[in-house]
C-alpha cells in the first residue's frame, strides 16, 4: 500500500512490514525463523548484536576489524513535545502489535 511504502510514517509501521515478511516466508508445518534486530541495539551494542545475528545464522564468530555506522545524521531541530506526543499516539497500536507477532 502507499501508506506502507511511500510515506515516511508508513515505512516506520514495522508491524505491517513484518506481517508481509512472515506471510511471504512461512512454510506449512514449520516454525518461522525470523530475527528482528532493534536499531538501537545495533548502534549501542554493535558487537554483541552482531554476534547474536551470527548465532542466529549459525555462522562462526568472525568479527570485522571495525564496524562502520551508515545512514548517520543529526536532526537540526529538536522534536517538539506536541509532535512527539502525536507520534507516540499514532505508533502505539502498531508497536503493541509487534509484541504479538
C-alpha atoms as a PDB file:
ATOM      1  CA  UNK A   1       0.000   0.000   0.000  1.00  0.00           C
ATOM      2  CA  UNK A   2       1.059   3.600  -0.434  1.00  0.00           C
ATOM      3  CA  UNK A   3       0.975   4.118   3.328  1.00  0.00           C
ATOM      4  CA  UNK A   4       3.399   1.275   3.863  1.00  0.00           C
ATOM      5  CA  UNK A   5       5.908   2.056   1.121  1.00  0.00           C
ATOM      6  CA  UNK A   6       5.851   5.690   0.118  1.00  0.00           C
ATOM      7  CA  UNK A   7       5.147   7.679   3.244  1.00  0.00           C
ATOM      8  CA  UNK A   8       7.818   8.104   5.958  1.00  0.00           C
ATOM      9  CA  UNK A   9       5.424   7.224   8.768  1.00  0.00           C
ATOM     10  CA  UNK A  10       4.074   4.236   6.851  1.00  0.00           C
ATOM     11  CA  UNK A  11       7.595   2.896   6.365  1.00  0.00           C
ATOM     12  CA  UNK A  12       8.000   3.086  10.145  1.00  0.00           C
ATOM     13  CA  UNK A  13       4.987   0.912  10.933  1.00  0.00           C
ATOM     14  CA  UNK A  14       7.105  -2.194  11.410  1.00  0.00           C
ATOM     15  CA  UNK A  15       4.240  -4.475  12.439  1.00  0.00           C
ATOM     16  CA  UNK A  16       2.718  -4.070   8.968  1.00  0.00           C
ATOM     17  CA  UNK A  17       6.048  -4.705   7.231  1.00  0.00           C
ATOM     18  CA  UNK A  18       6.845  -7.743   9.377  1.00  0.00           C
ATOM     19  CA  UNK A  19       3.440  -9.268   8.683  1.00  0.00           C
ATOM     20  CA  UNK A  20       4.274  -9.174   4.957  1.00  0.00           C
ATOM     21  CA  UNK A  21       7.647 -10.876   5.574  1.00  0.00           C
ATOM     22  CA  UNK A  22       6.064 -13.502   7.825  1.00  0.00           C
ATOM     23  CA  UNK A  23       3.402 -14.298   5.233  1.00  0.00           C
ATOM     24  CA  UNK A  24       5.983 -14.441   2.443  1.00  0.00           C
ATOM     25  CA  UNK A  25       8.368 -16.795   4.226  1.00  0.00           C
ATOM     26  CA  UNK A  26       6.218 -19.081   6.313  1.00  0.00           C
ATOM     27  CA  UNK A  27       6.309 -22.745   5.322  1.00  0.00           C
ATOM     28  CA  UNK A  28       3.449 -25.067   6.197  1.00  0.00           C
ATOM     29  CA  UNK A  29       4.071 -27.117   9.359  1.00  0.00           C
ATOM     30  CA  UNK A  30       7.426 -25.432  10.027  1.00  0.00           C
ATOM     31  CA  UNK A  31       8.177 -22.704  12.558  1.00  0.00           C
ATOM     32  CA  UNK A  32       9.258 -19.418  11.039  1.00  0.00           C
ATOM     33  CA  UNK A  33      12.802 -18.372  11.901  1.00  0.00           C
ATOM     34  CA  UNK A  34      12.946 -14.603  11.766  1.00  0.00           C
ATOM     35  CA  UNK A  35      15.338 -12.440  13.752  1.00  0.00           C
ATOM     36  CA  UNK A  36      14.343  -8.830  14.319  1.00  0.00           C
ATOM     37  CA  UNK A  37      17.113  -6.505  15.436  1.00  0.00           C
ATOM     38  CA  UNK A  38      16.383  -3.235  17.184  1.00  0.00           C
ATOM     39  CA  UNK A  39      18.403  -0.472  15.517  1.00  0.00           C
ATOM     40  CA  UNK A  40      19.213   0.999  18.940  1.00  0.00           C
ATOM     41  CA  UNK A  41      20.784  -2.333  19.936  1.00  0.00           C
ATOM     42  CA  UNK A  42      22.864  -2.360  16.773  1.00  0.00           C
ATOM     43  CA  UNK A  43      24.023   1.192  17.417  1.00  0.00           C
ATOM     44  CA  UNK A  44      24.642   0.915  21.175  1.00  0.00           C
ATOM     45  CA  UNK A  45      25.748  -2.724  21.456  1.00  0.00           C
ATOM     46  CA  UNK A  46      27.098  -3.338  17.973  1.00  0.00           C
ATOM     47  CA  UNK A  47      29.433  -6.235  18.657  1.00  0.00           C
ATOM     48  CA  UNK A  48      27.072  -8.250  20.866  1.00  0.00           C
ATOM     49  CA  UNK A  49      24.188  -7.662  18.460  1.00  0.00           C
ATOM     50  CA  UNK A  50      26.352  -8.718  15.530  1.00  0.00           C
ATOM     51  CA  UNK A  51      27.286 -11.896  17.402  1.00  0.00           C
ATOM     52  CA  UNK A  52      23.588 -12.549  18.032  1.00  0.00           C
ATOM     53  CA  UNK A  53      22.999 -12.373  14.267  1.00  0.00           C
ATOM     54  CA  UNK A  54      25.894 -14.760  13.605  1.00  0.00           C
ATOM     55  CA  UNK A  55      24.454 -17.184  16.174  1.00  0.00           C
ATOM     56  CA  UNK A  56      21.018 -16.961  14.567  1.00  0.00           C
ATOM     57  CA  UNK A  57      22.542 -17.718  11.160  1.00  0.00           C
ATOM     58  CA  UNK A  58      24.706 -20.481  12.644  1.00  0.00           C
ATOM     59  CA  UNK A  59      27.854 -18.779  11.396  1.00  0.00           C
ATOM     60  CA  UNK A  60      31.254 -18.673  13.114  1.00  0.00           C
ATOM     61  CA  UNK A  61      32.081 -15.689  15.297  1.00  0.00           C
ATOM     62  CA  UNK A  62      34.326 -13.739  12.951  1.00  0.00           C
ATOM     63  CA  UNK A  63      34.274 -10.046  13.715  1.00  0.00           C
ATOM     64  CA  UNK A  64      35.209  -7.340  11.240  1.00  0.00           C
ATOM     65  CA  UNK A  65      38.171  -5.127  12.112  1.00  0.00           C
ATOM     66  CA  UNK A  66      35.799  -2.196  12.561  1.00  0.00           C
ATOM     67  CA  UNK A  67      32.084  -1.518  12.459  1.00  0.00           C
ATOM     68  CA  UNK A  68      31.049   1.425  10.297  1.00  0.00           C
ATOM     69  CA  UNK A  69      27.843   3.285  11.056  1.00  0.00           C
ATOM     70  CA  UNK A  70      25.849   4.011   7.889  1.00  0.00           C
ATOM     71  CA  UNK A  71      22.966   6.427   7.395  1.00  0.00           C
ATOM     72  CA  UNK A  72      24.069   8.531  10.337  1.00  0.00           C
ATOM     73  CA  UNK A  73      22.599  12.012  10.557  1.00  0.00           C
ATOM     74  CA  UNK A  74      21.777  14.529  13.216  1.00  0.00           C
ATOM     75  CA  UNK A  75      18.466  16.293  13.457  1.00  0.00           C
ATOM     76  CA  UNK A  76      18.827  20.035  13.028  1.00  0.00           C
ATOM     77  CA  UNK A  77      15.749  20.992  15.033  1.00  0.00           C
ATOM     78  CA  UNK A  78      14.697  19.034  18.124  1.00  0.00           C
ATOM     79  CA  UNK A  79      11.256  17.460  18.028  1.00  0.00           C
ATOM     80  CA  UNK A  80       8.613  19.404  19.892  1.00  0.00           C
ATOM     81  CA  UNK A  81       6.758  17.767  22.771  1.00  0.00           C
ATOM     82  CA  UNK A  82       3.488  18.163  20.848  1.00  0.00           C
ATOM     83  CA  UNK A  83       4.791  16.329  17.786  1.00  0.00           C
ATOM     84  CA  UNK A  84       6.393  13.616  19.959  1.00  0.00           C
ATOM     85  CA  UNK A  85       3.074  13.045  21.779  1.00  0.00           C
ATOM     86  CA  UNK A  86       1.191  12.854  18.469  1.00  0.00           C
ATOM     87  CA  UNK A  87       3.655  10.343  17.020  1.00  0.00           C
ATOM     88  CA  UNK A  88       3.542   8.230  20.185  1.00  0.00           C
ATOM     89  CA  UNK A  89      -0.252   8.040  19.859  1.00  0.00           C
ATOM     90  CA  UNK A  90      -0.043   7.130  16.155  1.00  0.00           C
ATOM     91  CA  UNK A  91       2.617   4.451  16.671  1.00  0.00           C
ATOM     92  CA  UNK A  92       1.314   2.963  19.935  1.00  0.00           C
ATOM     93  CA  UNK A  93      -1.099   0.369  18.484  1.00  0.00           C
ATOM     94  CA  UNK A  94       1.438  -0.747  15.872  1.00  0.00           C
ATOM     95  CA  UNK A  95       4.212  -1.041  18.456  1.00  0.00           C
ATOM     96  CA  UNK A  96       1.863  -3.130  20.596  1.00  0.00           C
ATOM     97  CA  UNK A  97       1.220  -5.393  17.593  1.00  0.00           C
ATOM     98  CA  UNK A  98       4.953  -6.005  17.252  1.00  0.00           C
ATOM     99  CA  UNK A  99       4.907  -7.869  20.539  1.00  0.00           C
ATOM    100  CA  UNK A 100       2.132 -10.114  19.246  1.00  0.00           C
ATOM    101  CA  UNK A 101       3.988 -11.114  16.100  1.00  0.00           C
END
